[in-house]
Each structure stands twice: as C-alpha cells, then as structure tokens.
Amino acid sequence: MDLDTIRTFVAAADAGRFQEAAAELAVTQQAVSKRIAVLERDLGVRLFARTPRGAELTIDGQAFLPHARELLRAADRALASVRAGRRPLRVDVINSRGAASGLMRGFHHAHPEIELDVVMLLDIERAVSAIRSGAIDASFRAVAMPGRPLPGDIESVRALDEPLQLLTGPAHALAGARSVPLAGLAGHRIWMPGIVPGTEWAAYYDDLVAEFGLTIEATGPNFGSDALLDTVADTPALATFMGGRTRLVWPAGHGLRRIPVTDPTPVYPHSLLWHRDNPHPALAALRAHLAGTAAGLDAAGTWAPGWAIRR
C-alpha cells in the first residue's frame, strides 16, 4: 500500500474534514479526495460517508483505521532503524568476556545516553563484510592477516595492546612462578581448543609459535571457557594463554594461577575498524573515547606480529 495514501486516510479520519486534512498535509483538497478514492477502490469498500458536517468513517473505515495507524508506525520504525543517529551504534566484539567487551562497557559508562547493540562475529573477514554492508558500524579486531590487507574503504586505529598471561592449574610446574619469560614456555603444552583455522587469532598464534618455538595444541572440541578452565585445573601438564583483561570466574577449589609472561610480553593488538563513510555520530564519540583511554601501544618489552594493524 502507498504510505502517502495511508497517511492521508489517517489525517482525514482524525480531522473529520478533507479540507483540514489537506491543510495538515500541505496538499490540495482535491488531492486528498483522489487518494481516498484510490484507497477505497483498492480495498473494495467505502471508508468515509460524506455528510454536511464533513466526512465520517464508515464501519469499514473504523475497522481499517487501527491497522492504518500501525502501518505508519511500522514505517517510522523501519526508517529509524537505518537513520544514523536514530538507531543504536552496532559494534562487533570477539567474545563477551574479552578486552573489547571491557572497552565497550567503559564507553557505555562514559556515554550512557548512546544506545548500543553489541554483536559477536567469528572472524575478521565476516566483520569487514558486515562493516561494508552497513550491518555493523565498527568492529574490534586484532590484526590484518598476512597477504590479506584491509580494503581501502576500511579505516582502523589501534585501541589496546592486551598482554597475554599464562593460566595454569595448581599442580603445574610453573604454578608457583611470579612471572615466566616467554622463552621459558618452550617445551610446555599450551592448550587452546578455541583457535579456529583461518581467523586472525589463529594467524597471531602461528607467528608466536614460529618466533619463540612454543607448542600450542588446538586439538579437541571447544566446549567454552568453563570447560577449558576445568581441564586446566585438573591436568598438571596443561596450561593455556589468557588475555590479561579477559574476565574469568572459576570455582574456588580450582586453584588456578594467572602468571605474567615477560621478556618480551606478548600483546594481543586490538584495533577498531570502521567504514570511512559511516555517518553515525556515536562512532566519532567512540573513537574519541578510545583515543583518551589508549596507552602503552607498542611499548618497549612487548611483542606483536610485524603485520599487526598500526594505522
């Protein structure tokens, strides 16, 4: 149905006179009459009865009026969903417990007036595609993978370097260490079943393994972080890497240890990606917030892949 015709019908029903509806809509009375006539022809019923006092709704007109109002409300909601500044800012993070989620919580605390939709996509290619299509406004990603640079219409800025920590159970050989040098992890089994081949975090850990001779095992099904913590707590030979800003809670009896890694400290470089033509006003507020909180990027004594995003 033509929305202008529906809007004319509702205006005429509310005003009770075609002339007043025409004045409200800034059209001629003849235009109002023609639109109503077209709508009545399409529906096959009379919507108004003309009287000396104006136009009164027929029984069919009264039945149709609430549905016409809902059509207009639905149209308004549809428009608002795609108008920058009138819809929530849609931001992608890798997971709900990671550093990027923490950054978005901080942004929400600083700007409670900005509506947010936080989504979780699997990999950088899917995130970039969603940014370019307008499905999301921005994404937190770690790196641009070798041989696959970001498209020219995607902008990025480094937002956070998150230090990796070693997570062990209480019986692990390194459980009592206050810190451990990165080279000292050679020969230890580091279990990370959440690594998905082809993703940016898989590329990150491939480089880490190649440069420092580590052993990272990604075997076995990924049952989530709770199952990972249970296994590490119960298996003295296993440890895992965990982001220093990743929020974790485990049962007190697990006795897990989070141990800083040093000399150098491997950092996971989180960057914000967005489309250069995105007009959403809240995107500028997010970028300004991140610029004010970013510190220690590429700090001395840290390691990140040479192809990590630094723009």
C-alpha atoms as a PDB file:
ATOM      1  CA  MET A   1       0.000   0.000   0.000  1.00  0.00           C
ATOM      2  CA  ASP A   2       1.118   3.529  -0.744  1.00  0.00           C
ATOM      3  CA  LEU A   3       2.120   5.146   2.537  1.00  0.00           C
ATOM      4  CA  ASP A   4       1.136   8.653   1.415  1.00  0.00           C
ATOM      5  CA  THR A   5      -2.385   7.364   0.773  1.00  0.00           C
ATOM      6  CA  ILE A   6      -2.494   5.641   4.177  1.00  0.00           C
ATOM      7  CA  ARG A   7      -1.228   8.826   5.841  1.00  0.00           C
ATOM      8  CA  THR A   8      -3.932  10.836   4.046  1.00  0.00           C
ATOM      9  CA  PHE A   9      -6.616   8.427   5.240  1.00  0.00           C
ATOM     10  CA  VAL A  10      -5.462   8.715   8.867  1.00  0.00           C
ATOM     11  CA  ALA A  11      -5.268  12.512   8.652  1.00  0.00           C
ATOM     12  CA  ALA A  12      -8.791  12.703   7.210  1.00  0.00           C
ATOM     13  CA  ALA A  13     -10.124  10.319   9.867  1.00  0.00           C
ATOM     14  CA  ASP A  14      -8.573  12.412  12.641  1.00  0.00           C
ATOM     15  CA  ALA A  15      -9.682  15.758  11.200  1.00  0.00           C
ATOM     16  CA  GLY A  16     -13.164  14.723  10.113  1.00  0.00           C
ATOM     17  CA  ARG A  17     -12.892  17.031   7.097  1.00  0.00           C
ATOM     18  CA  PHE A  18     -10.929  16.589   3.872  1.00  0.00           C
ATOM     19  CA  GLN A  19     -10.128  20.305   3.818  1.00  0.00           C
ATOM     20  CA  GLU A  20      -8.456  20.206   7.240  1.00  0.00           C
ATOM     21  CA  ALA A  21      -6.558  17.044   6.294  1.00  0.00           C
ATOM     22  CA  ALA A  22      -5.326  18.789   3.126  1.00  0.00           C
ATOM     23  CA  ALA A  23      -4.069  21.750   5.168  1.00  0.00           C
ATOM     24  CA  GLU A  24      -2.240  19.420   7.587  1.00  0.00           C
ATOM     25  CA  LEU A  25      -0.601  17.509   4.732  1.00  0.00           C
ATOM     26  CA  ALA A  26       0.135  20.663   2.667  1.00  0.00           C
ATOM     27  CA  VAL A  27      -1.747  19.324  -0.364  1.00  0.00           C
ATOM     28  CA  THR A  28      -4.959  20.331  -2.087  1.00  0.00           C
ATOM     29  CA  GLN A  29      -8.372  19.094  -1.024  1.00  0.00           C
ATOM     30  CA  GLN A  30      -8.694  17.542  -4.474  1.00  0.00           C
ATOM     31  CA  ALA A  31      -5.518  15.507  -3.845  1.00  0.00           C
ATOM     32  CA  VAL A  32      -6.965  14.212  -0.563  1.00  0.00           C
ATOM     33  CA  SER A  33     -10.197  13.195  -2.304  1.00  0.00           C
ATOM     34  CA  LYS A  34      -8.291  11.387  -5.069  1.00  0.00           C
ATOM     35  CA  ARG A  35      -6.094   9.475  -2.608  1.00  0.00           C
ATOM     36  CA  ILE A  36      -9.087   8.364  -0.570  1.00  0.00           C
ATOM     37  CA  ALA A  37     -10.900   7.296  -3.719  1.00  0.00           C
ATOM     38  CA  VAL A  38      -7.898   5.228  -4.853  1.00  0.00           C
ATOM     39  CA  LEU A  39      -7.679   3.559  -1.434  1.00  0.00           C
ATOM     40  CA  GLU A  40     -11.406   2.776  -1.410  1.00  0.00           C
ATOM     41  CA  ARG A  41     -11.129   1.291  -4.905  1.00  0.00           C
ATOM     42  CA  ASP A  42      -8.147  -0.844  -3.925  1.00  0.00           C
ATOM     43  CA  LEU A  43      -9.869  -2.111  -0.773  1.00  0.00           C
ATOM     44  CA  GLY A  44     -13.272  -2.510  -2.412  1.00  0.00           C
ATOM     45  CA  VAL A  45     -15.121  -0.730   0.405  1.00  0.00           C
ATOM     46  CA  ARG A  46     -16.326   2.736   1.364  1.00  0.00           C
ATOM     47  CA  LEU A  47     -14.174   4.260   4.094  1.00  0.00           C
ATOM     48  CA  PHE A  48     -15.970   7.578   4.542  1.00  0.00           C
ATOM     49  CA  ALA A  49     -19.552   8.719   4.420  1.00  0.00           C
ATOM     50  CA  ARG A  50     -19.803  12.327   3.227  1.00  0.00           C
ATOM     51  CA  THR A  51     -22.140  14.432   5.388  1.00  0.00           C
ATOM     52  CA  PRO A  52     -22.919  18.153   5.650  1.00  0.00           C
ATOM     53  CA  ARG A  53     -20.605  18.242   8.680  1.00  0.00           C
ATOM     54  CA  GLY A  54     -17.660  16.689   6.810  1.00  0.00           C
ATOM     55  CA  ALA A  55     -16.528  13.072   6.421  1.00  0.00           C
ATOM     56  CA  GLU A  56     -17.400  10.344   8.892  1.00  0.00           C
ATOM     57  CA  LEU A  57     -15.819   6.900   8.986  1.00  0.00           C
ATOM     58  CA  THR A  58     -17.997   4.028   7.868  1.00  0.00           C
ATOM     59  CA  ILE A  59     -17.936   0.732   9.754  1.00  0.00           C
ATOM     60  CA  ASP A  60     -15.262  -0.472   7.319  1.00  0.00           C
ATOM     61  CA  GLY A  61     -13.312   2.762   7.833  1.00  0.00           C
ATOM     62  CA  GLN A  62     -13.419   2.290  11.604  1.00  0.00           C
ATOM     63  CA  ALA A  63     -12.174  -1.297  11.194  1.00  0.00           C
ATOM     64  CA  PHE A  64      -9.338  -0.213   8.915  1.00  0.00           C
ATOM     65  CA  LEU A  65      -8.140   2.802  10.975  1.00  0.00           C
ATOM     66  CA  PRO A  66      -6.108   0.967  13.692  1.00  0.00           C
ATOM     67  CA  HIS A  67      -4.352  -1.092  11.036  1.00  0.00           C
ATOM     68  CA  ALA A  68      -3.546   2.043   9.054  1.00  0.00           C
ATOM     69  CA  ARG A  69      -2.021   3.630  12.156  1.00  0.00           C
ATOM     70  CA  GLU A  70       0.102   0.512  12.713  1.00  0.00           C
ATOM     71  CA  LEU A  71       1.300   0.629   9.105  1.00  0.00           C
ATOM     72  CA  LEU A  72       2.558   4.180   9.657  1.00  0.00           C
ATOM     73  CA  ARG A  73       4.201   3.254  12.966  1.00  0.00           C
ATOM     74  CA  ALA A  74       5.937   0.304  11.276  1.00  0.00           C
ATOM     75  CA  ALA A  75       7.193   2.595   8.508  1.00  0.00           C
ATOM     76  CA  ASP A  76       8.568   5.045  11.082  1.00  0.00           C
ATOM     77  CA  ARG A  77      10.339   2.220  12.920  1.00  0.00           C
ATOM     78  CA  ALA A  78      11.822   0.943   9.653  1.00  0.00           C
ATOM     79  CA  LEU A  79      13.202   4.379   8.789  1.00  0.00           C
ATOM     80  CA  ALA A  80      14.580   4.935  12.283  1.00  0.00           C
ATOM     81  CA  SER A  81      16.415   1.599  12.133  1.00  0.00           C
ATOM     82  CA  VAL A  82      18.659   2.828   9.308  1.00  0.00           C
ATOM     83  CA  ARG A  83      18.984   6.524  10.044  1.00  0.00           C
ATOM     84  CA  ALA A  84      22.362   7.320  11.597  1.00  0.00           C
ATOM     85  CA  GLY A  85      21.909   8.912  14.979  1.00  0.00           C
ATOM     86  CA  ARG A  86      18.407   7.480  15.424  1.00  0.00           C
ATOM     87  CA  ARG A  87      19.415   3.861  15.832  1.00  0.00           C
ATOM     88  CA  PRO A  88      21.819   2.157  18.218  1.00  0.00           C
ATOM     89  CA  LEU A  89      25.532   2.082  17.406  1.00  0.00           C
ATOM     90  CA  ARG A  90      26.262  -1.515  16.345  1.00  0.00           C
ATOM     91  CA  VAL A  91      29.702  -2.748  17.419  1.00  0.00           C
ATOM     92  CA  ASP A  92      31.232  -6.202  16.989  1.00  0.00           C
ATOM     93  CA  VAL A  93      33.429  -7.827  19.646  1.00  0.00           C
ATOM     94  CA  ILE A  94      35.008 -11.276  19.520  1.00  0.00           C
ATOM     95  CA  ASN A  95      33.534 -12.504  22.811  1.00  0.00           C
ATOM     96  CA  SER A  96      31.621 -11.249  25.826  1.00  0.00           C
ATOM     97  CA  ARG A  97      34.452 -11.696  28.353  1.00  0.00           C
ATOM     98  CA  GLY A  98      37.355 -10.206  26.408  1.00  0.00           C
ATOM     99  CA  ALA A  99      39.126  -6.864  26.426  1.00  0.00           C
ATOM    100  CA  ALA A 100      36.972  -5.394  23.639  1.00  0.00           C
ATOM    101  CA  SER A 101      33.847  -6.026  25.694  1.00  0.00           C
ATOM    102  CA  GLY A 102      35.548  -4.244  28.572  1.00  0.00           C
ATOM    103  CA  LEU A 103      36.287  -1.273  26.320  1.00  0.00           C
ATOM    104  CA  MET A 104      32.634  -1.112  25.285  1.00  0.00           C
ATOM    105  CA  ARG A 105      31.481  -1.296  28.913  1.00  0.00           C
ATOM    106  CA  GLY A 106      33.755   1.635  29.675  1.00  0.00           C
ATOM    107  CA  PHE A 107      32.337   3.567  26.728  1.00  0.00           C
ATOM    108  CA  HIS A 108      28.773   2.836  27.852  1.00  0.00           C
ATOM    109  CA  HIS A 109      29.600   4.030  31.370  1.00  0.00           C
ATOM    110  CA  ALA A 110      31.053   7.260  29.954  1.00  0.00           C
ATOM    111  CA  HIS A 111      28.179   7.777  27.475  1.00  0.00           C
ATOM    112  CA  PRO A 112      25.004   6.213  28.903  1.00  0.00           C
ATOM    113  CA  GLU A 113      22.924   8.362  26.552  1.00  0.00           C
ATOM    114  CA  ILE A 114      24.206   6.462  23.477  1.00  0.00           C
ATOM    115  CA  GLU A 115      22.248   3.337  22.597  1.00  0.00           C
ATOM    116  CA  LEU A 116      24.422   0.322  21.801  1.00  0.00           C
ATOM    117  CA  ASP A 117      23.958  -3.011  20.070  1.00  0.00           C
ATOM    118  CA  VAL A 118      26.923  -5.318  20.734  1.00  0.00           C
ATOM    119  CA  VAL A 119      27.254  -8.344  18.453  1.00  0.00           C
ATOM    120  CA  MET A 120      29.817 -11.144  18.142  1.00  0.00           C
ATOM    121  CA  LEU A 121      31.083 -12.246  14.733  1.00  0.00           C
ATOM    122  CA  LEU A 122      33.548 -15.068  14.171  1.00  0.00           C
ATOM    123  CA  ASP A 123      36.389 -13.651  12.088  1.00  0.00           C
ATOM    124  CA  ILE A 124      37.804 -10.524  10.509  1.00  0.00           C
ATOM    125  CA  GLU A 125      36.506 -11.292   7.013  1.00  0.00           C
ATOM    126  CA  ARG A 126      32.949 -11.575   8.255  1.00  0.00           C
ATOM    127  CA  ALA A 127      33.391  -8.415  10.325  1.00  0.00           C
ATOM    128  CA  VAL A 128      34.776  -6.422   7.374  1.00  0.00           C
ATOM    129  CA  SER A 129      31.926  -7.618   5.159  1.00  0.00           C
ATOM    130  CA  ALA A 130      29.399  -6.516   7.791  1.00  0.00           C
ATOM    131  CA  ILE A 131      31.071  -3.095   8.084  1.00  0.00           C
ATOM    132  CA  ARG A 132      30.996  -2.586   4.317  1.00  0.00           C
ATOM    133  CA  SER A 133      27.345  -3.654   4.044  1.00  0.00           C
ATOM    134  CA  GLY A 134      26.285  -1.412   6.924  1.00  0.00           C
ATOM    135  CA  ALA A 135      25.163  -4.336   9.107  1.00  0.00           C
ATOM    136  CA  ILE A 136      27.511  -3.071  11.836  1.00  0.00           C
ATOM    137  CA  ASP A 137      29.201   0.273  12.425  1.00  0.00           C
ATOM    138  CA  ALA A 138      32.522  -0.907  13.846  1.00  0.00           C
ATOM    139  CA  SER A 139      34.452  -3.973  14.937  1.00  0.00           C
ATOM    140  CA  PHE A 140      37.268  -4.700  17.367  1.00  0.00           C
ATOM    141  CA  ARG A 141      39.822  -6.936  15.667  1.00  0.00           C
ATOM    142  CA  ALA A 142      43.370  -7.925  16.419  1.00  0.00           C
ATOM    143  CA  VAL A 143      45.322  -7.972  13.175  1.00  0.00           C
ATOM    144  CA  ALA A 144      45.214  -7.807   9.394  1.00  0.00           C
ATOM    145  CA  MET A 145      46.318 -11.239   8.264  1.00  0.00           C
ATOM    146  CA  PRO A 146      49.384 -11.635   6.030  1.00  0.00           C
ATOM    147  CA  GLY A 147      48.606 -11.263   2.360  1.00  0.00           C
ATOM    148  CA  ARG A 148      45.078 -10.007   3.069  1.00  0.00           C
ATOM    149  CA  PRO A 149      45.243  -6.275   3.825  1.00  0.00           C
ATOM    150  CA  LEU A 150      42.147  -4.346   4.786  1.00  0.00           C
ATOM    151  CA  PRO A 151      40.091  -2.903   1.907  1.00  0.00           C
ATOM    152  CA  GLY A 152      40.824   0.732   1.115  1.00  0.00           C
ATOM    153  CA  ASP A 153      37.436   1.926   2.419  1.00  0.00           C
ATOM    154  CA  ILE A 154      38.019   0.435   5.886  1.00  0.00           C
ATOM    155  CA  GLU A 155      39.723   2.651   8.453  1.00  0.00           C
ATOM    156  CA  SER A 156      41.397   1.350  11.599  1.00  0.00           C
ATOM    157  CA  VAL A 157      43.115   2.593  14.716  1.00  0.00           C
ATOM    158  CA  ARG A 158      44.991   0.650  17.368  1.00  0.00           C
ATOM    159  CA  ALA A 159      42.925   0.738  20.553  1.00  0.00           C
ATOM    160  CA  LEU A 160      44.567  -1.577  23.073  1.00  0.00           C
ATOM    161  CA  ASP A 161      47.570  -3.875  23.469  1.00  0.00           C
ATOM    162  CA  GLU A 162      46.401  -6.646  25.801  1.00  0.00           C
ATOM    163  CA  PRO A 163      49.210  -8.624  27.500  1.00  0.00           C
ATOM    164  CA  LEU A 164      48.863 -12.395  27.434  1.00  0.00           C
ATOM    165  CA  GLN A 165      49.104 -14.313  30.689  1.00  0.00           C
ATOM    166  CA  LEU A 166      49.757 -17.994  31.307  1.00  0.00           C
ATOM    167  CA  LEU A 167      46.909 -19.777  33.079  1.00  0.00           C
ATOM    168  CA  THR A 168      47.799 -22.968  34.948  1.00  0.00           C
ATOM    169  CA  GLY A 169      46.336 -25.351  37.469  1.00  0.00           C
ATOM    170  CA  PRO A 170      47.797 -25.614  40.992  1.00  0.00           C
ATOM    171  CA  ALA A 171      49.925 -28.685  40.152  1.00  0.00           C
ATOM    172  CA  HIS A 172      51.561 -27.271  37.023  1.00  0.00           C
ATOM    173  CA  ALA A 173      55.359 -26.969  37.056  1.00  0.00           C
ATOM    174  CA  LEU A 174      55.109 -23.171  36.677  1.00  0.00           C
ATOM    175  CA  ALA A 175      52.217 -22.646  39.085  1.00  0.00           C
ATOM    176  CA  GLY A 176      54.450 -21.102  41.747  1.00  0.00           C
ATOM    177  CA  ALA A 177      56.217 -18.648  39.439  1.00  0.00           C
ATOM    178  CA  ARG A 178      55.591 -14.905  39.919  1.00  0.00           C
ATOM    179  CA  SER A 179      56.307 -14.442  36.197  1.00  0.00           C
ATOM    180  CA  VAL A 180      57.731 -16.524  33.375  1.00  0.00           C
ATOM    181  CA  PRO A 181      59.896 -15.457  30.418  1.00  0.00           C
ATOM    182  CA  LEU A 182      58.340 -16.190  27.048  1.00  0.00           C
ATOM    183  CA  ALA A 183      61.294 -18.368  26.029  1.00  0.00           C
ATOM    184  CA  GLY A 184      60.780 -20.384  29.225  1.00  0.00           C
ATOM    185  CA  LEU A 185      57.469 -21.694  27.873  1.00  0.00           C
ATOM    186  CA  ALA A 186      59.214 -23.792  25.208  1.00  0.00           C
ATOM    187  CA  GLY A 187      58.570 -27.449  25.925  1.00  0.00           C
ATOM    188  CA  HIS A 188      55.358 -26.814  27.897  1.00  0.00           C
ATOM    189  CA  ARG A 189      51.999 -27.846  26.451  1.00  0.00           C
ATOM    190  CA  ILE A 190      49.749 -24.857  25.914  1.00  0.00           C
ATOM    191  CA  TRP A 191      46.214 -25.974  25.132  1.00  0.00           C
ATOM    192  CA  MET A 192      43.908 -23.616  23.218  1.00  0.00           C
ATOM    193  CA  PRO A 193      40.973 -25.521  21.683  1.00  0.00           C
ATOM    194  CA  GLY A 194      39.239 -22.272  20.683  1.00  0.00           C
ATOM    195  CA  ILE A 195      41.685 -21.470  17.873  1.00  0.00           C
ATOM    196  CA  VAL A 196      39.800 -21.577  14.559  1.00  0.00           C
ATOM    197  CA  PRO A 197      41.985 -22.005  11.445  1.00  0.00           C
ATOM    198  CA  GLY A 198      41.912 -19.026   9.118  1.00  0.00           C
ATOM    199  CA  THR A 199      40.957 -16.494  11.785  1.00  0.00           C
ATOM    200  CA  GLU A 200      43.067 -13.523  12.813  1.00  0.00           C
ATOM    201  CA  TRP A 201      43.799 -15.014  16.243  1.00  0.00           C
ATOM    202  CA  ALA A 202      44.975 -18.243  14.598  1.00  0.00           C
ATOM    203  CA  ALA A 203      47.396 -16.167  12.485  1.00  0.00           C
ATOM    204  CA  TYR A 204      48.584 -14.382  15.626  1.00  0.00           C
ATOM    205  CA  TYR A 205      49.397 -17.599  17.468  1.00  0.00           C
ATOM    206  CA  ASP A 206      51.015 -19.125  14.379  1.00  0.00           C
ATOM    207  CA  ASP A 207      53.515 -16.254  14.402  1.00  0.00           C
ATOM    208  CA  LEU A 208      54.026 -16.554  18.155  1.00  0.00           C
ATOM    209  CA  VAL A 209      54.801 -20.267  17.832  1.00  0.00           C
ATOM    210  CA  ALA A 210      57.149 -19.745  14.879  1.00  0.00           C
ATOM    211  CA  GLU A 211      59.164 -16.992  16.559  1.00  0.00           C
ATOM    212  CA  PHE A 212      59.537 -18.466  20.043  1.00  0.00           C
ATOM    213  CA  GLY A 213      59.367 -22.226  19.475  1.00  0.00           C
ATOM    214  CA  LEU A 214      56.268 -22.779  21.572  1.00  0.00           C
ATOM    215  CA  THR A 215      53.906 -25.745  21.477  1.00  0.00           C
ATOM    216  CA  ILE A 216      50.259 -24.715  21.174  1.00  0.00           C
ATOM    217  CA  GLU A 217      47.713 -27.508  20.857  1.00  0.00           C
ATOM    218  CA  ALA A 218      44.298 -26.693  19.409  1.00  0.00           C
ATOM    219  CA  THR A 219      43.034 -30.279  19.416  1.00  0.00           C
ATOM    220  CA  GLY A 220      39.734 -31.410  20.853  1.00  0.00           C
ATOM    221  CA  PRO A 221      36.252 -29.861  20.787  1.00  0.00           C
ATOM    222  CA  ASN A 222      35.788 -26.357  22.129  1.00  0.00           C
ATOM    223  CA  PHE A 223      33.198 -26.572  24.901  1.00  0.00           C
ATOM    224  CA  GLY A 224      33.760 -22.990  26.013  1.00  0.00           C
ATOM    225  CA  SER A 225      35.823 -21.251  28.670  1.00  0.00           C
ATOM    226  CA  ASP A 226      34.280 -23.057  31.660  1.00  0.00           C
ATOM    227  CA  ALA A 227      35.256 -26.475  30.272  1.00  0.00           C
ATOM    228  CA  LEU A 228      38.726 -25.140  29.418  1.00  0.00           C
ATOM    229  CA  LEU A 229      39.232 -23.926  32.998  1.00  0.00           C
ATOM    230  CA  ASP A 230      38.034 -27.253  34.415  1.00  0.00           C
ATOM    231  CA  THR A 231      40.533 -29.182  32.273  1.00  0.00           C
ATOM    232  CA  VAL A 232      43.491 -26.898  33.004  1.00  0.00           C
ATOM    233  CA  ALA A 233      42.737 -27.052  36.742  1.00  0.00           C
ATOM    234  CA  ASP A 234      42.717 -30.868  36.703  1.00  0.00           C
ATOM    235  CA  THR A 235      45.629 -31.517  34.298  1.00  0.00           C
ATOM    236  CA  PRO A 236      49.124 -30.678  35.624  1.00  0.00           C
ATOM    237  CA  ALA A 237      50.727 -30.931  32.170  1.00  0.00           C
ATOM    238  CA  LEU A 238      48.456 -28.356  30.526  1.00  0.00           C
ATOM    239  CA  ALA A 239      48.411 -24.560  30.552  1.00  0.00           C
ATOM    240  CA  THR A 240      46.678 -22.011  28.355  1.00  0.00           C
ATOM    241  CA  PHE A 241      47.082 -18.391  27.288  1.00  0.00           C
ATOM    242  CA  MET A 242      44.559 -15.866  28.525  1.00  0.00           C
ATOM    243  CA  GLY A 243      44.259 -12.146  27.856  1.00  0.00           C
ATOM    244  CA  GLY A 244      45.224 -10.055  30.851  1.00  0.00           C
ATOM    245  CA  ARG A 245      41.940  -8.130  30.578  1.00  0.00           C
ATOM    246  CA  THR A 246      39.759 -11.175  29.998  1.00  0.00           C
ATOM    247  CA  ARG A 247      37.218 -11.514  32.801  1.00  0.00           C
ATOM    248  CA  LEU A 248      37.186 -15.000  34.290  1.00  0.00           C
ATOM    249  CA  VAL A 249      35.424 -16.557  37.251  1.00  0.00           C
ATOM    250  CA  TRP A 250      36.107 -20.095  38.433  1.00  0.00           C
ATOM    251  CA  PRO A 251      35.266 -22.227  41.469  1.00  0.00           C
ATOM    252  CA  ALA A 252      37.499 -21.590  44.473  1.00  0.00           C
ATOM    253  CA  GLY A 253      38.633 -25.204  44.502  1.00  0.00           C
ATOM    254  CA  HIS A 254      40.216 -24.925  41.056  1.00  0.00           C
ATOM    255  CA  GLY A 255      43.262 -23.101  42.420  1.00  0.00           C
ATOM    256  CA  LEU A 256      44.085 -21.623  39.006  1.00  0.00           C
ATOM    257  CA  ARG A 257      47.060 -19.250  38.598  1.00  0.00           C
ATOM    258  CA  ARG A 258      47.344 -16.282  36.220  1.00  0.00           C
ATOM    259  CA  ILE A 259      51.052 -15.751  35.595  1.00  0.00           C
ATOM    260  CA  PRO A 260      52.505 -12.714  33.740  1.00  0.00           C
ATOM    261  CA  VAL A 261      54.661 -13.515  30.700  1.00  0.00           C
ATOM    262  CA  THR A 262      57.783 -11.380  30.222  1.00  0.00           C
ATOM    263  CA  ASP A 263      60.944 -10.813  28.168  1.00  0.00           C
ATOM    264  CA  PRO A 264      59.086  -9.957  25.923  1.00  0.00           C
ATOM    265  CA  THR A 265      55.449  -9.777  26.929  1.00  0.00           C
ATOM    266  CA  PRO A 266      53.276 -10.959  24.027  1.00  0.00           C
ATOM    267  CA  VAL A 267      50.448  -8.480  23.483  1.00  0.00           C
ATOM    268  CA  TYR A 268      47.273  -9.003  21.529  1.00  0.00           C
ATOM    269  CA  PRO A 269      46.758  -5.819  19.483  1.00  0.00           C
ATOM    270  CA  HIS A 270      43.084  -4.853  19.443  1.00  0.00           C
ATOM    271  CA  SER A 271      42.122  -2.301  16.784  1.00  0.00           C
ATOM    272  CA  LEU A 272      38.853  -0.591  15.961  1.00  0.00           C
ATOM    273  CA  LEU A 273      37.710  -0.952  12.335  1.00  0.00           C
ATOM    274  CA  TRP A 274      35.001   1.143  10.629  1.00  0.00           C
ATOM    275  CA  HIS A 275      33.915   2.318   7.176  1.00  0.00           C
ATOM    276  CA  ARG A 276      35.360   5.673   6.213  1.00  0.00           C
ATOM    277  CA  ASP A 277      31.926   6.930   5.040  1.00  0.00           C
ATOM    278  CA  ASN A 278      29.953   5.837   8.107  1.00  0.00           C
ATOM    279  CA  PRO A 279      28.000   8.917   9.290  1.00  0.00           C
ATOM    280  CA  HIS A 280      26.768   7.634  12.671  1.00  0.00           C
ATOM    281  CA  PRO A 281      27.557  10.447  15.152  1.00  0.00           C
ATOM    282  CA  ALA A 282      28.165   8.000  18.002  1.00  0.00           C
ATOM    283  CA  LEU A 283      31.037   6.458  16.041  1.00  0.00           C
ATOM    284  CA  ALA A 284      33.024   9.687  16.441  1.00  0.00           C
ATOM    285  CA  ALA A 285      32.265   9.623  20.173  1.00  0.00           C
ATOM    286  CA  LEU A 286      33.551   6.040  20.407  1.00  0.00           C
ATOM    287  CA  ARG A 287      36.767   6.903  18.585  1.00  0.00           C
ATOM    288  CA  ALA A 288      37.331   9.922  20.832  1.00  0.00           C
ATOM    289  CA  HIS A 289      36.750   7.767  23.912  1.00  0.00           C
ATOM    290  CA  LEU A 290      39.252   5.156  22.748  1.00  0.00           C
ATOM    291  CA  ALA A 291      41.831   7.849  21.947  1.00  0.00           C
ATOM    292  CA  GLY A 292      41.533   9.043  25.531  1.00  0.00           C
ATOM    293  CA  THR A 293      41.951   5.580  27.042  1.00  0.00           C
ATOM    294  CA  ALA A 294      44.664   4.119  24.764  1.00  0.00           C
ATOM    295  CA  ALA A 295      48.061   3.933  26.412  1.00  0.00           C
ATOM    296  CA  GLY A 296      51.219   1.886  26.123  1.00  0.00           C
ATOM    297  CA  LEU A 297      50.756   0.871  22.495  1.00  0.00           C
ATOM    298  CA  ASP A 298      53.873  -0.817  21.089  1.00  0.00           C
ATOM    299  CA  ALA A 299      55.564  -0.378  24.471  1.00  0.00           C
ATOM    300  CA  ALA A 300      59.140  -1.456  24.998  1.00  0.00           C
ATOM    301  CA  GLY A 301      59.473  -5.065  26.082  1.00  0.00           C
ATOM    302  CA  THR A 302      56.352  -6.244  24.252  1.00  0.00           C
ATOM    303  CA  TRP A 303      55.880  -8.400  21.168  1.00  0.00           C
ATOM    304  CA  ALA A 304      53.226  -8.391  18.449  1.00  0.00           C
ATOM    305  CA  PRO A 305      53.340  -9.718  14.882  1.00  0.00           C
ATOM    306  CA  GLY A 306      55.031  -7.404  12.438  1.00  0.00           C
ATOM    307  CA  TRP A 307      51.846  -7.250  10.374  1.00  0.00           C
ATOM    308  CA  ALA A 308      49.597  -6.181  13.252  1.00  0.00           C
ATOM    309  CA  ILE A 309      47.483  -3.139  12.420  1.00  0.00           C
ATOM    310  CA  ARG A 310      49.313   0.053  13.378  1.00  0.00           C
ATOM    311  CA  ARG A 311      47.417   2.615  11.322  1.00  0.00           C
END
